[in-house]
N, C-alpha and C. Protein backbone atom coordinates (compact mmCIF):
# COMPACT_ATOMS: atom_id res chain seq x y z
N MET A 1 40.08 -92.72 -46.12
CA MET A 1 40.60 -91.50 -45.05
C MET A 1 39.45 -91.18 -44.49
N SER A 2 39.45 -90.64 -43.47
CA SER A 2 38.53 -90.45 -42.49
C SER A 2 37.83 -89.05 -43.10
N ASP A 3 36.74 -88.95 -42.65
CA ASP A 3 35.71 -87.82 -42.84
C ASP A 3 35.95 -86.68 -42.01
N GLN A 4 37.02 -87.01 -40.86
CA GLN A 4 37.33 -86.11 -40.12
C GLN A 4 38.71 -85.18 -40.14
N GLY A 5 39.15 -85.33 -41.58
CA GLY A 5 40.29 -84.42 -41.82
C GLY A 5 41.11 -85.75 -42.47
N SER A 6 42.49 -85.59 -42.55
CA SER A 6 43.49 -86.11 -43.27
C SER A 6 43.81 -87.56 -42.16
N ASN A 7 43.29 -87.70 -40.99
CA ASN A 7 43.54 -89.00 -40.36
C ASN A 7 43.23 -90.30 -40.85
N GLN A 8 44.08 -90.86 -40.53
CA GLN A 8 43.55 -92.52 -41.18
C GLN A 8 42.18 -92.83 -40.87
N GLU A 9 41.67 -93.58 -41.40
CA GLU A 9 40.07 -94.19 -41.38
C GLU A 9 40.45 -95.44 -40.52
N HIS A 10 39.74 -95.78 -39.61
CA HIS A 10 40.01 -96.80 -38.33
C HIS A 10 38.63 -97.64 -38.35
N ARG A 11 37.81 -97.83 -39.41
CA ARG A 11 36.70 -98.44 -39.07
C ARG A 11 36.42 -98.93 -40.54
N ARG A 12 35.42 -100.30 -40.81
CA ARG A 12 35.02 -100.17 -42.02
C ARG A 12 34.03 -99.45 -42.34
N PRO A 13 33.48 -99.29 -43.53
CA PRO A 13 32.25 -98.67 -43.61
C PRO A 13 30.98 -99.60 -43.41
N ILE A 14 29.85 -98.64 -42.76
CA ILE A 14 28.87 -99.32 -42.28
C ILE A 14 28.29 -100.15 -43.14
N VAL A 15 27.49 -101.25 -42.58
CA VAL A 15 26.86 -102.12 -43.20
C VAL A 15 27.70 -102.96 -44.61
N SER A 16 28.95 -103.01 -44.61
CA SER A 16 29.71 -103.45 -45.61
C SER A 16 29.72 -104.94 -45.05
N ASP A 17 29.50 -105.87 -46.26
CA ASP A 17 30.21 -107.43 -46.08
C ASP A 17 31.35 -107.85 -46.31
N TYR A 18 31.68 -106.87 -47.03
CA TYR A 18 33.20 -107.30 -47.44
C TYR A 18 34.22 -106.07 -47.52
N HIS A 19 35.49 -106.14 -46.96
CA HIS A 19 36.17 -104.66 -46.92
C HIS A 19 37.45 -104.79 -47.50
N LEU A 20 38.03 -104.37 -48.37
CA LEU A 20 39.22 -104.46 -49.20
C LEU A 20 39.96 -103.12 -48.65
N ASN A 21 41.17 -103.25 -47.95
CA ASN A 21 41.72 -101.92 -47.44
C ASN A 21 43.28 -102.08 -48.30
N LEU A 22 43.64 -101.32 -49.18
CA LEU A 22 44.49 -101.03 -49.83
C LEU A 22 45.08 -99.64 -49.43
N TYR A 23 46.38 -99.87 -48.96
CA TYR A 23 46.89 -98.58 -48.02
C TYR A 23 48.12 -98.22 -48.27
N GLN A 24 48.71 -96.95 -48.22
CA GLN A 24 50.02 -96.47 -48.48
C GLN A 24 50.41 -95.78 -47.14
N ILE A 25 51.61 -95.87 -46.44
CA ILE A 25 51.76 -95.16 -45.63
C ILE A 25 52.41 -93.79 -45.86
N ALA A 26 52.26 -92.66 -45.22
CA ALA A 26 52.69 -91.34 -45.69
C ALA A 26 54.42 -91.15 -45.81
N ASP A 27 54.84 -90.53 -46.53
CA ASP A 27 56.20 -90.18 -46.75
C ASP A 27 56.64 -89.21 -45.74
N ASP A 28 57.70 -88.59 -45.54
CA ASP A 28 57.91 -87.58 -44.81
C ASP A 28 57.59 -86.28 -45.58
N GLY A 29 57.81 -86.53 -47.00
CA GLY A 29 57.79 -85.38 -47.66
C GLY A 29 56.19 -84.87 -48.18
N ASP A 30 55.52 -86.19 -47.94
CA ASP A 30 54.04 -85.29 -48.29
C ASP A 30 53.41 -84.45 -47.60
N PRO A 31 52.98 -83.42 -48.54
CA PRO A 31 52.70 -81.90 -47.98
C PRO A 31 51.25 -81.89 -47.19
N LEU A 32 50.76 -82.83 -47.57
CA LEU A 32 49.43 -83.10 -46.46
C LEU A 32 49.20 -84.08 -45.26
N GLY A 33 50.54 -85.02 -45.65
CA GLY A 33 50.70 -85.80 -44.43
C GLY A 33 49.51 -86.88 -44.36
N LEU A 34 48.98 -87.22 -45.92
CA LEU A 34 47.86 -88.41 -46.00
C LEU A 34 48.71 -89.84 -45.41
N ASP A 35 47.92 -90.37 -44.47
CA ASP A 35 48.58 -91.65 -44.34
C ASP A 35 47.67 -92.83 -43.95
N GLY A 36 47.74 -93.89 -44.62
CA GLY A 36 47.11 -95.19 -44.52
C GLY A 36 47.21 -95.98 -43.56
N GLY A 37 46.70 -96.93 -43.03
CA GLY A 37 47.02 -98.16 -42.30
C GLY A 37 45.56 -99.28 -42.25
N PRO A 38 46.30 -100.28 -41.66
CA PRO A 38 45.39 -101.33 -41.06
C PRO A 38 43.94 -101.00 -40.60
N VAL A 39 43.01 -101.79 -41.09
CA VAL A 39 41.75 -101.28 -40.45
C VAL A 39 40.99 -102.62 -39.90
N PRO A 40 40.97 -102.64 -38.66
CA PRO A 40 40.18 -103.58 -38.15
C PRO A 40 38.92 -104.54 -38.71
N ASN A 41 39.44 -105.86 -38.59
CA ASN A 41 38.22 -106.49 -39.17
C ASN A 41 37.84 -106.62 -40.73
N SER A 42 38.97 -106.00 -41.51
CA SER A 42 39.12 -105.95 -42.95
C SER A 42 39.34 -107.42 -43.73
N GLN A 43 38.54 -108.03 -44.25
CA GLN A 43 38.50 -109.51 -44.69
C GLN A 43 40.22 -109.55 -45.47
N ASP A 44 40.46 -108.16 -46.37
CA ASP A 44 41.63 -108.34 -47.21
C ASP A 44 42.05 -106.98 -47.03
N GLU A 45 43.40 -106.98 -46.97
CA GLU A 45 44.33 -105.49 -46.88
C GLU A 45 45.69 -105.95 -47.30
N ASP A 46 46.04 -104.61 -47.80
CA ASP A 46 47.66 -104.82 -48.13
C ASP A 46 48.24 -103.21 -47.94
N ASN A 47 49.60 -103.37 -47.68
CA ASN A 47 50.38 -101.78 -47.66
C ASN A 47 50.97 -101.99 -48.91
N VAL A 48 50.60 -101.38 -50.02
CA VAL A 48 51.05 -101.50 -51.47
C VAL A 48 52.69 -101.30 -51.27
N GLU A 49 52.94 -100.40 -50.16
CA GLU A 49 54.34 -100.47 -50.58
C GLU A 49 55.58 -101.40 -50.10
N SER A 50 54.71 -102.21 -49.33
CA SER A 50 55.70 -103.22 -48.43
C SER A 50 54.97 -104.72 -48.50
N SER A 51 54.08 -104.97 -49.61
CA SER A 51 53.56 -106.08 -49.48
C SER A 51 54.61 -107.20 -49.77
N LEU A 52 54.05 -108.24 -48.71
CA LEU A 52 54.87 -109.76 -49.27
C LEU A 52 54.57 -110.20 -50.18
N ASP A 53 53.47 -110.13 -51.13
CA ASP A 53 53.03 -110.72 -52.50
C ASP A 53 54.14 -109.83 -53.52
N GLY A 54 54.86 -110.43 -53.61
CA GLY A 54 56.10 -109.83 -54.55
C GLY A 54 55.58 -109.13 -56.04
N ASP A 55 54.18 -109.88 -56.35
CA ASP A 55 53.46 -109.24 -57.57
C ASP A 55 52.74 -107.84 -57.33
N PHE A 56 52.84 -107.77 -56.17
CA PHE A 56 51.95 -106.53 -55.81
C PHE A 56 52.95 -105.47 -54.66
N TYR A 57 53.93 -105.14 -55.17
CA TYR A 57 54.74 -104.05 -54.56
C TYR A 57 55.40 -102.90 -55.00
N PHE A 58 54.76 -101.85 -54.64
CA PHE A 58 55.14 -100.78 -55.27
C PHE A 58 56.06 -99.92 -54.13
N PRO A 59 57.42 -99.86 -54.33
CA PRO A 59 57.69 -99.04 -52.87
C PRO A 59 57.87 -97.67 -53.35
N THR A 60 57.42 -97.19 -54.69
CA THR A 60 57.71 -95.66 -54.79
C THR A 60 56.21 -95.06 -54.77
N ILE A 61 55.17 -95.71 -54.65
CA ILE A 61 53.82 -95.42 -54.69
C ILE A 61 53.48 -94.37 -53.80
N THR A 62 52.92 -93.39 -54.24
CA THR A 62 51.83 -92.60 -52.96
C THR A 62 50.54 -92.22 -53.27
N HIS A 63 49.88 -91.49 -52.31
CA HIS A 63 48.58 -91.47 -52.08
C HIS A 63 48.05 -90.87 -53.28
N TYR A 64 48.84 -90.01 -54.14
CA TYR A 64 48.29 -89.31 -54.97
C TYR A 64 48.49 -90.12 -56.61
N THR A 65 48.97 -91.28 -56.31
CA THR A 65 49.19 -92.21 -57.63
C THR A 65 48.64 -93.43 -57.46
N MET A 66 48.39 -93.64 -56.46
CA MET A 66 48.17 -95.51 -56.25
C MET A 66 46.73 -95.79 -56.70
N ASP A 67 45.86 -94.71 -56.92
CA ASP A 67 44.64 -95.32 -57.62
C ASP A 67 44.54 -95.12 -58.89
N GLN A 68 46.14 -94.60 -59.59
CA GLN A 68 45.81 -94.56 -60.89
C GLN A 68 46.76 -95.81 -61.26
N ARG A 69 47.09 -96.65 -60.85
CA ARG A 69 47.98 -97.85 -60.96
C ARG A 69 47.05 -99.01 -61.90
N PRO A 70 47.11 -99.57 -62.92
CA PRO A 70 46.45 -100.30 -63.43
C PRO A 70 46.57 -101.60 -62.62
N GLU A 71 47.71 -101.83 -61.82
CA GLU A 71 47.64 -103.14 -61.07
C GLU A 71 46.60 -102.99 -59.48
N ILE A 72 46.53 -101.97 -59.42
CA ILE A 72 45.90 -101.64 -58.14
C ILE A 72 44.11 -101.67 -58.29
N MET A 73 44.09 -101.11 -59.82
CA MET A 73 42.45 -101.29 -60.11
C MET A 73 42.25 -102.55 -60.37
N GLU A 74 42.97 -103.11 -60.67
CA GLU A 74 43.09 -104.82 -61.33
C GLU A 74 42.80 -105.49 -59.85
N ARG A 75 43.47 -105.17 -59.04
CA ARG A 75 43.20 -105.72 -57.67
C ARG A 75 42.02 -105.52 -56.99
N VAL A 76 41.79 -104.36 -57.12
CA VAL A 76 40.13 -103.96 -56.50
C VAL A 76 39.07 -104.77 -57.44
N LYS A 77 39.10 -104.76 -58.52
CA LYS A 77 38.03 -105.37 -59.50
C LYS A 77 38.03 -107.00 -59.24
N THR A 78 39.34 -107.46 -58.99
CA THR A 78 39.17 -109.09 -59.00
C THR A 78 38.81 -109.28 -57.57
N ARG A 79 39.24 -108.79 -56.56
CA ARG A 79 38.87 -109.21 -55.19
C ARG A 79 37.17 -108.89 -54.81
N LEU A 80 36.72 -107.80 -55.27
CA LEU A 80 35.11 -107.53 -55.50
C LEU A 80 34.50 -108.58 -56.26
N ARG A 81 35.03 -109.16 -57.43
CA ARG A 81 34.43 -110.22 -58.25
C ARG A 81 34.37 -111.43 -57.15
N GLU A 82 35.45 -111.63 -56.58
CA GLU A 82 35.45 -112.58 -55.71
C GLU A 82 34.62 -112.65 -54.49
N ASN A 83 34.25 -111.92 -54.21
CA ASN A 83 33.75 -111.58 -52.74
C ASN A 83 32.42 -110.74 -52.70
N ALA A 84 31.96 -110.25 -53.73
CA ALA A 84 30.65 -109.71 -53.83
C ALA A 84 29.75 -110.77 -53.66
N VAL A 85 28.52 -110.38 -52.89
CA VAL A 85 27.57 -111.20 -52.35
C VAL A 85 26.52 -110.80 -53.78
N ARG A 86 26.00 -111.72 -54.40
CA ARG A 86 25.08 -111.16 -55.59
C ARG A 86 23.75 -111.88 -55.37
């Protein structure tokens, strides 16, 4: 999320070597209109509502629930372990 309001963030964090972008596009009923989307130059990203990866597809997920899903937290931990420079 942008630090400039509820708009999408369109840049990678400064000095990041690896960026995992998991996002969900806002539904019409979202009271805050929170909206995610692709981030240029991300090494790894998924729209968790419509991912082509059948094991990672959550059509009813929202911005308010996505970071509480065990599958999403596991995806974050796995990708960071695979890609973090030690």
